[in-house]
PDB file of N, CA and C in Angstrom:
ATOM      1  N   UNK A   1      18.918  16.190  11.558  1.00  0.00           N
ATOM      2  CA  UNK A   1      19.515  15.520  10.616  1.00  0.00           C
ATOM      3  C   UNK A   1      19.308  14.209  10.285  1.00  0.00           C
ATOM      4  N   UNK A   2      18.336  13.716  11.185  1.00  0.00           N
ATOM      5  CA  UNK A   2      18.198  12.098  11.256  1.00  0.00           C
ATOM      6  C   UNK A   2      18.310  11.542   9.985  1.00  0.00           C
ATOM      7  N   UNK A   3      17.118  12.153   8.944  1.00  0.00           N
ATOM      8  CA  UNK A   3      16.917  11.896   7.259  1.00  0.00           C
ATOM      9  C   UNK A   3      18.487  11.614   6.879  1.00  0.00           C
ATOM     10  N   UNK A   4      19.734  12.399   6.692  1.00  0.00           N
ATOM     11  CA  UNK A   4      20.621  12.127   6.549  1.00  0.00           C
ATOM     12  C   UNK A   4      21.577  11.056   6.942  1.00  0.00           C
ATOM     13  N   UNK A   5      21.346  10.652   8.083  1.00  0.00           N
ATOM     14  CA  UNK A   5      21.880   9.520   9.013  1.00  0.00           C
ATOM     15  C   UNK A   5      21.200   8.502   8.254  1.00  0.00           C
ATOM     16  N   UNK A   6      19.723   8.639   8.258  1.00  0.00           N
ATOM     17  CA  UNK A   6      19.493   7.150   7.591  1.00  0.00           C
ATOM     18  C   UNK A   6      19.506   6.892   5.911  1.00  0.00           C
ATOM     19  N   UNK A   7      20.279   8.241   5.269  1.00  0.00           N
ATOM     20  CA  UNK A   7      20.198   7.771   3.847  1.00  0.00           C
ATOM     21  C   UNK A   7      21.630   7.558   3.990  1.00  0.00           C
ATOM     22  N   UNK A   8      22.493   7.969   4.818  1.00  0.00           N
ATOM     23  CA  UNK A   8      24.056   7.136   4.944  1.00  0.00           C
ATOM     24  C   UNK A   8      24.075   5.942   5.346  1.00  0.00           C
ATOM     25  N   UNK A   9      23.283   5.174   6.317  1.00  0.00           N
ATOM     26  CA  UNK A   9      22.925   4.155   6.536  1.00  0.00           C
ATOM     27  C   UNK A   9      22.388   3.034   5.144  1.00  0.00           C
ATOM     28  N   UNK A  10      21.463   3.735   4.786  1.00  0.00           N
ATOM     29  CA  UNK A  10      21.270   2.986   3.699  1.00  0.00           C
ATOM     30  C   UNK A  10      22.149   2.578   2.592  1.00  0.00           C
ATOM     31  N   UNK A  11      23.029   3.757   2.318  1.00  0.00           N
ATOM     32  CA  UNK A  11      23.872   3.397   1.448  1.00  0.00           C
ATOM     33  C   UNK A  11      24.789   2.212   2.269  1.00  0.00           C
ATOM     34  N   UNK A  12      25.208   1.996   3.240  1.00  0.00           N
ATOM     35  CA  UNK A  12      26.372   1.187   3.564  1.00  0.00           C
ATOM     36  C   UNK A  12      25.765  -0.329   3.667  1.00  0.00           C
ATOM     37  N   UNK A  13      24.099  -0.491   3.362  1.00  0.00           N
ATOM     38  CA  UNK A  13      23.482  -1.746   3.675  1.00  0.00           C
ATOM     39  C   UNK A  13      24.322  -2.787   2.368  1.00  0.00           C
ATOM     40  N   UNK A  14      24.542  -3.995   3.110  1.00  0.00           N
ATOM     41  CA  UNK A  14      24.611  -5.351   1.858  1.00  0.00           C
ATOM     42  C   UNK A  14      23.893  -5.448   0.882  1.00  0.00           C
ATOM     43  N   UNK A  15      23.773  -5.440  -0.448  1.00  0.00           N
ATOM     44  CA  UNK A  15      23.066  -5.203  -1.345  1.00  0.00           C
ATOM     45  C   UNK A  15      23.419  -6.859  -2.439  1.00  0.00           C
ATOM     46  N   UNK A  16      23.845  -7.863  -1.588  1.00  0.00           N
ATOM     47  CA  UNK A  16      24.102  -9.056  -2.030  1.00  0.00           C
ATOM     48  C   UNK A  16      22.779  -9.724  -1.632  1.00  0.00           C
ATOM     49  N   UNK A  17      22.674 -10.974  -2.727  1.00  0.00           N
ATOM     50  CA  UNK A  17      21.659 -11.972  -3.008  1.00  0.00           C
ATOM     51  C   UNK A  17      20.476 -11.594  -2.183  1.00  0.00           C
ATOM     52  N   UNK A  18      19.534 -10.702  -2.898  1.00  0.00           N
ATOM     53  CA  UNK A  18      18.624 -10.081  -2.322  1.00  0.00           C
ATOM     54  C   UNK A  18      17.302 -11.038  -3.266  1.00  0.00           C
ATOM     55  N   UNK A  19      16.207 -11.128  -2.529  1.00  0.00           N
ATOM     56  CA  UNK A  19      14.989 -11.771  -3.041  1.00  0.00           C
ATOM     57  C   UNK A  19      14.453 -10.552  -4.034  1.00  0.00           C
ATOM     58  N   UNK A  20      13.776 -10.926  -4.581  1.00  0.00           N
ATOM     59  CA  UNK A  20      12.628  -9.761  -5.598  1.00  0.00           C
ATOM     60  C   UNK A  20      11.902  -8.504  -4.611  1.00  0.00           C
ATOM     61  N   UNK A  21      11.152  -9.358  -3.553  1.00  0.00           N
ATOM     62  CA  UNK A  21      10.374  -8.342  -2.626  1.00  0.00           C
ATOM     63  C   UNK A  21      11.425  -7.498  -1.893  1.00  0.00           C
ATOM     64  N   UNK A  22      12.692  -8.247  -1.579  1.00  0.00           N
ATOM     65  CA  UNK A  22      13.807  -7.259  -0.989  1.00  0.00           C
ATOM     66  C   UNK A  22      14.336  -5.761  -2.039  1.00  0.00           C
ATOM     67  N   UNK A  23      14.455  -6.262  -3.365  1.00  0.00           N
ATOM     68  CA  UNK A  23      14.535  -5.245  -3.989  1.00  0.00           C
ATOM     69  C   UNK A  23      13.705  -4.210  -4.448  1.00  0.00           C
ATOM     70  N   UNK A  24      12.198  -4.630  -4.061  1.00  0.00           N
ATOM     71  CA  UNK A  24      10.911  -3.955  -4.208  1.00  0.00           C
ATOM     72  C   UNK A  24      11.315  -2.855  -3.072  1.00  0.00           C
ATOM     73  N   UNK A  25      11.417  -3.195  -1.910  1.00  0.00           N
ATOM     74  CA  UNK A  25      11.566  -2.287  -0.844  1.00  0.00           C
ATOM     75  C   UNK A  25      12.498  -1.667  -0.748  1.00  0.00           C
ATOM     76  N   UNK A  26      13.913  -2.227  -1.309  1.00  0.00           N
ATOM     77  CA  UNK A  26      15.250  -0.846  -1.137  1.00  0.00           C
ATOM     78  C   UNK A  26      14.526   0.071  -2.345  1.00  0.00           C
ATOM     79  N   UNK A  27      14.006  -0.150  -3.523  1.00  0.00           N
ATOM     80  CA  UNK A  27      13.852   0.449  -4.625  1.00  0.00           C
ATOM     81  C   UNK A  27      12.893   1.548  -3.823  1.00  0.00           C
ATOM     82  N   UNK A  28      11.872   1.485  -3.343  1.00  0.00           N
ATOM     83  CA  UNK A  28      10.935   2.238  -2.713  1.00  0.00           C
ATOM     84  C   UNK A  28      11.016   3.024  -1.867  1.00  0.00           C
ATOM     85  N   UNK A  29      12.258   2.415  -0.663  1.00  0.00           N
ATOM     86  CA  UNK A  29      12.893   3.176  -0.017  1.00  0.00           C
ATOM     87  C   UNK A  29      13.848   4.542  -0.034  1.00  0.00           C
ATOM     88  N   UNK A  30      14.352   3.880  -0.859  1.00  0.00           N
ATOM     89  CA  UNK A  30      15.225   4.735  -1.761  1.00  0.00           C
ATOM     90  C   UNK A  30      14.651   5.927  -2.556  1.00  0.00           C
ATOM     91  N   UNK A  31      13.571   5.637  -3.186  1.00  0.00           N
ATOM     92  CA  UNK A  31      12.805   6.738  -3.551  1.00  0.00           C
ATOM     93  C   UNK A  31      12.549   7.779  -2.684  1.00  0.00           C
ATOM     94  N   UNK A  32      11.879   7.231  -1.531  1.00  0.00           N
ATOM     95  CA  UNK A  32      11.419   7.559  -0.239  1.00  0.00           C
ATOM     96  C   UNK A  32      12.259   8.936   0.249  1.00  0.00           C
ATOM     97  N   UNK A  33      13.657   8.327   0.582  1.00  0.00           N
ATOM     98  CA  UNK A  33      14.858   8.875   0.793  1.00  0.00           C
ATOM     99  C   UNK A  33      15.299  10.178   0.396  1.00  0.00           C
ATOM    100  N   UNK A  34      15.057   9.627  -1.073  1.00  0.00           N
ATOM    101  CA  UNK A  34      15.565  10.824  -2.173  1.00  0.00           C
ATOM    102  C   UNK A  34      14.617  12.033  -2.163  1.00  0.00           C
ATOM    103  N   UNK A  35      13.224  11.703  -2.239  1.00  0.00           N
ATOM    104  CA  UNK A  35      12.082  12.865  -2.655  1.00  0.00           C
ATOM    105  C   UNK A  35      12.194  13.784  -0.840  1.00  0.00           C
ATOM    106  N   UNK A  36      12.592  12.968   0.317  1.00  0.00           N
ATOM    107  CA  UNK A  36      12.732  13.601   1.722  1.00  0.00           C
ATOM    108  C   UNK A  36      13.786  14.447   1.575  1.00  0.00           C
ATOM    109  N   UNK A  37      15.096  14.062   1.033  1.00  0.00           N
ATOM    110  CA  UNK A  37      16.173  14.662   1.314  1.00  0.00           C
ATOM    111  C   UNK A  37      16.052  15.996   0.063  1.00  0.00           C
ATOM    112  N   UNK A  38      15.276  15.913  -1.249  1.00  0.00           N
ATOM    113  CA  UNK A  38      15.157  16.883  -1.952  1.00  0.00           C
ATOM    114  C   UNK A  38      14.308  17.921  -1.326  1.00  0.00           C
ATOM    115  N   UNK A  39      13.322  17.861  -0.812  1.00  0.00           N
ATOM    116  CA  UNK A  39      12.565  18.739   0.022  1.00  0.00           C
ATOM    117  C   UNK A  39      13.535  19.739   1.075  1.00  0.00           C
ATOM    118  N   UNK A  40      14.581  19.088   1.899  1.00  0.00           N
ATOM    119  CA  UNK A  40      15.613  19.542   2.401  1.00  0.00           C
ATOM    120  C   UNK A  40      16.832  20.446   1.379  1.00  0.00           C
ATOM    121  N   UNK A  41      16.928  19.915   0.258  1.00  0.00           N
ATOM    122  CA  UNK A  41      17.876  20.558  -0.390  1.00  0.00           C
ATOM    123  C   UNK A  41      17.326  21.881  -1.030  1.00  0.00           C
ATOM    124  N   UNK A  42      15.836  21.766  -1.175  1.00  0.00           N
ATOM    125  CA  UNK A  42      15.026  23.157  -1.692  1.00  0.00           C
ATOM    126  C   UNK A  42      15.331  24.321  -0.717  1.00  0.00           C
ATOM    127  N   UNK A  43      15.509  24.068   0.307  1.00  0.00           N
ATOM    128  CA  UNK A  43      15.536  24.847   1.307  1.00  0.00           C
ATOM    129  C   UNK A  43      16.929  25.683   1.664  1.00  0.00           C
ATOM    130  N   UNK A  44      17.860  24.497   1.646  1.00  0.00           N
ATOM    131  CA  UNK A  44      19.362  25.099   2.308  1.00  0.00           C
ATOM    132  C   UNK A  44      20.668  24.849   1.204  1.00  0.00           C
ATOM    133  N   UNK A  45      19.965  24.364   0.018  1.00  0.00           N
ATOM    134  CA  UNK A  45      20.801  24.369  -1.367  1.00  0.00           C
ATOM    135  C   UNK A  45      22.574  23.819  -0.901  1.00  0.00           C
ATOM    136  N   UNK A  46      22.392  22.725   0.258  1.00  0.00           N
ATOM    137  CA  UNK A  46      23.739  22.332   0.525  1.00  0.00           C
ATOM    138  C   UNK A  46      24.544  21.076  -0.315  1.00  0.00           C
ATOM    139  N   UNK A  47      25.378  21.410  -0.977  1.00  0.00           N
ATOM    140  CA  UNK A  47      26.408  20.481  -1.981  1.00  0.00           C
ATOM    141  C   UNK A  47      26.478  18.967  -1.397  1.00  0.00           C
ATOM    142  N   UNK A  48      26.356  18.773  -0.327  1.00  0.00           N
ATOM    143  CA  UNK A  48      26.124  17.638   0.189  1.00  0.00           C
ATOM    144  C   UNK A  48      24.838  16.761   0.456  1.00  0.00           C
ATOM    145  N   UNK A  49      24.187  17.348   0.278  1.00  0.00           N
ATOM    146  CA  UNK A  49      22.903  16.432   0.313  1.00  0.00           C
ATOM    147  C   UNK A  49      22.401  16.271  -1.227  1.00  0.00           C
ATOM    148  N   UNK A  50      22.810  17.197  -1.865  1.00  0.00           N
ATOM    149  CA  UNK A  50      22.752  16.782  -3.236  1.00  0.00           C
ATOM    150  C   UNK A  50      23.765  15.511  -3.945  1.00  0.00           C
ATOM    151  N   UNK A  51      24.855  15.544  -3.238  1.00  0.00           N
ATOM    152  CA  UNK A  51      25.778  14.310  -3.560  1.00  0.00           C
ATOM    153  C   UNK A  51      25.254  13.033  -2.792  1.00  0.00           C
ATOM    154  N   UNK A  52      24.466  13.134  -1.638  1.00  0.00           N
ATOM    155  CA  UNK A  52      23.550  12.133  -1.157  1.00  0.00           C
ATOM    156  C   UNK A  52      22.777  11.609  -1.927  1.00  0.00           C
ATOM    157  N   UNK A  53      21.894  12.571  -2.557  1.00  0.00           N
ATOM    158  CA  UNK A  53      20.938  12.155  -3.593  1.00  0.00           C
ATOM    159  C   UNK A  53      21.310  11.436  -5.094  1.00  0.00           C
ATOM    160  N   UNK A  54      22.581  11.773  -5.287  1.00  0.00           N
ATOM    161  CA  UNK A  54      23.070  11.283  -6.524  1.00  0.00           C
ATOM    162  C   UNK A  54      23.204   9.939  -6.074  1.00  0.00           C
ATOM    163  N   UNK A  55      24.027   9.758  -5.175  1.00  0.00           N
ATOM    164  CA  UNK A  55      24.456   8.341  -4.844  1.00  0.00           C
ATOM    165  C   UNK A  55      23.158   7.548  -4.540  1.00  0.00           C
ATOM    166  N   UNK A  56      21.987   7.880  -3.747  1.00  0.00           N
ATOM    167  CA  UNK A  56      21.117   6.894  -3.463  1.00  0.00           C
ATOM    168  C   UNK A  56      20.574   6.615  -5.127  1.00  0.00           C
ATOM    169  N   UNK A  57      20.561   7.542  -5.749  1.00  0.00           N
ATOM    170  CA  UNK A  57      19.986   7.512  -7.173  1.00  0.00           C
ATOM    171  C   UNK A  57      20.701   6.275  -7.964  1.00  0.00           C
ATOM    172  N   UNK A  58      21.778   6.315  -7.712  1.00  0.00           N
ATOM    173  CA  UNK A  58      22.797   5.385  -8.579  1.00  0.00           C
ATOM    174  C   UNK A  58      22.169   3.819  -8.162  1.00  0.00           C
ATOM    175  N   UNK A  59      22.078   3.892  -6.875  1.00  0.00           N
ATOM    176  CA  UNK A  59      21.735   2.944  -6.179  1.00  0.00           C
ATOM    177  C   UNK A  59      20.492   2.416  -6.974  1.00  0.00           C
ATOM    178  N   UNK A  60      19.272   3.434  -6.544  1.00  0.00           N
ATOM    179  CA  UNK A  60      17.925   2.801  -7.028  1.00  0.00           C
ATOM    180  C   UNK A  60      17.763   2.390  -8.522  1.00  0.00           C
ATOM    181  N   UNK A  61      18.749   2.870  -9.066  1.00  0.00           N
ATOM    182  CA  UNK A  61      18.608   2.765 -10.750  1.00  0.00           C
ATOM    183  C   UNK A  61      19.339   1.161 -10.928  1.00  0.00           C
ATOM    184  N   UNK A  62      20.234   0.998 -10.119  1.00  0.00           N
ATOM    185  CA  UNK A  62      21.093  -0.610 -10.282  1.00  0.00           C
ATOM    186  C   UNK A  62      19.804  -1.490  -9.770  1.00  0.00           C
ATOM    187  N   UNK A  63      19.043  -1.198  -8.309  1.00  0.00           N
ATOM    188  CA  UNK A  63      18.220  -2.367  -8.041  1.00  0.00           C
ATOM    189  C   UNK A  63      17.099  -2.391  -8.668  1.00  0.00           C
ATOM    190  N   UNK A  64      16.590  -1.312  -9.699  1.00  0.00           N
ATOM    191  CA  UNK A  64      15.712  -1.179 -10.624  1.00  0.00           C
ATOM    192  C   UNK A  64      16.274  -1.643 -11.575  1.00  0.00           C
ATOM    193  N   UNK A  65      17.005  -1.484 -12.229  1.00  0.00           N
ATOM    194  CA  UNK A  65      17.308  -2.508 -13.622  1.00  0.00           C
ATOM    195  C   UNK A  65      17.665  -4.052 -13.308  1.00  0.00           C
ATOM    196  N   UNK A  66      18.249  -4.260 -12.266  1.00  0.00           N
ATOM    197  CA  UNK A  66      18.223  -5.919 -11.787  1.00  0.00           C
ATOM    198  C   UNK A  66      16.548  -6.169 -11.537  1.00  0.00           C
ATOM    199  N   UNK A  67      15.829  -5.458 -11.165  1.00  0.00           N
ATOM    200  CA  UNK A  67      14.527  -5.574 -11.122  1.00  0.00           C
ATOM    201  C   UNK A  67      13.910  -6.221 -12.434  1.00  0.00           C
ATOM    202  N   UNK A  68      14.366  -5.227 -13.596  1.00  0.00           N
ATOM    203  CA  UNK A  68      13.442  -5.714 -14.608  1.00  0.00           C
ATOM    204  C   UNK A  68      14.034  -6.572 -15.610  1.00  0.00           C
ATOM    205  N   UNK A  69      15.384  -6.884 -15.213  1.00  0.00           N
ATOM    206  CA  UNK A  69      15.934  -7.788 -16.038  1.00  0.00           C
ATOM    207  C   UNK A  69      16.823  -7.644 -17.235  1.00  0.00           C
ATOM    208  N   UNK A  70      16.943  -8.619 -17.970  1.00  0.00           N
ATOM    209  CA  UNK A  70      17.773  -7.278 -19.097  1.00  0.00           C
ATOM    210  C   UNK A  70      16.244  -7.518 -20.191  1.00  0.00           C
ATOM    211  N   UNK A  71      16.703  -6.323 -21.287  1.00  0.00           N
ATOM    212  CA  UNK A  71      15.491  -6.852 -22.297  1.00  0.00           C
ATOM    213  C   UNK A  71      15.706  -6.443 -23.618  1.00  0.00           C
TER     214      UNK A  71
END
């Protein structure tokens, strides 16, 4: 369950005063974690994994919204 530990660590990171390239890296890492967790979720159907994926998705959306700017 090293992947779950990585996901929980990712959630705890400080997300303040990030450069544009930092935001891109965070978005990509979040996407990778979500996809990997999804593969585990398909096998195990553990609700805790789904909750982690939802929280990571919220972080990813927030970062991407900031990347795109106001429309």
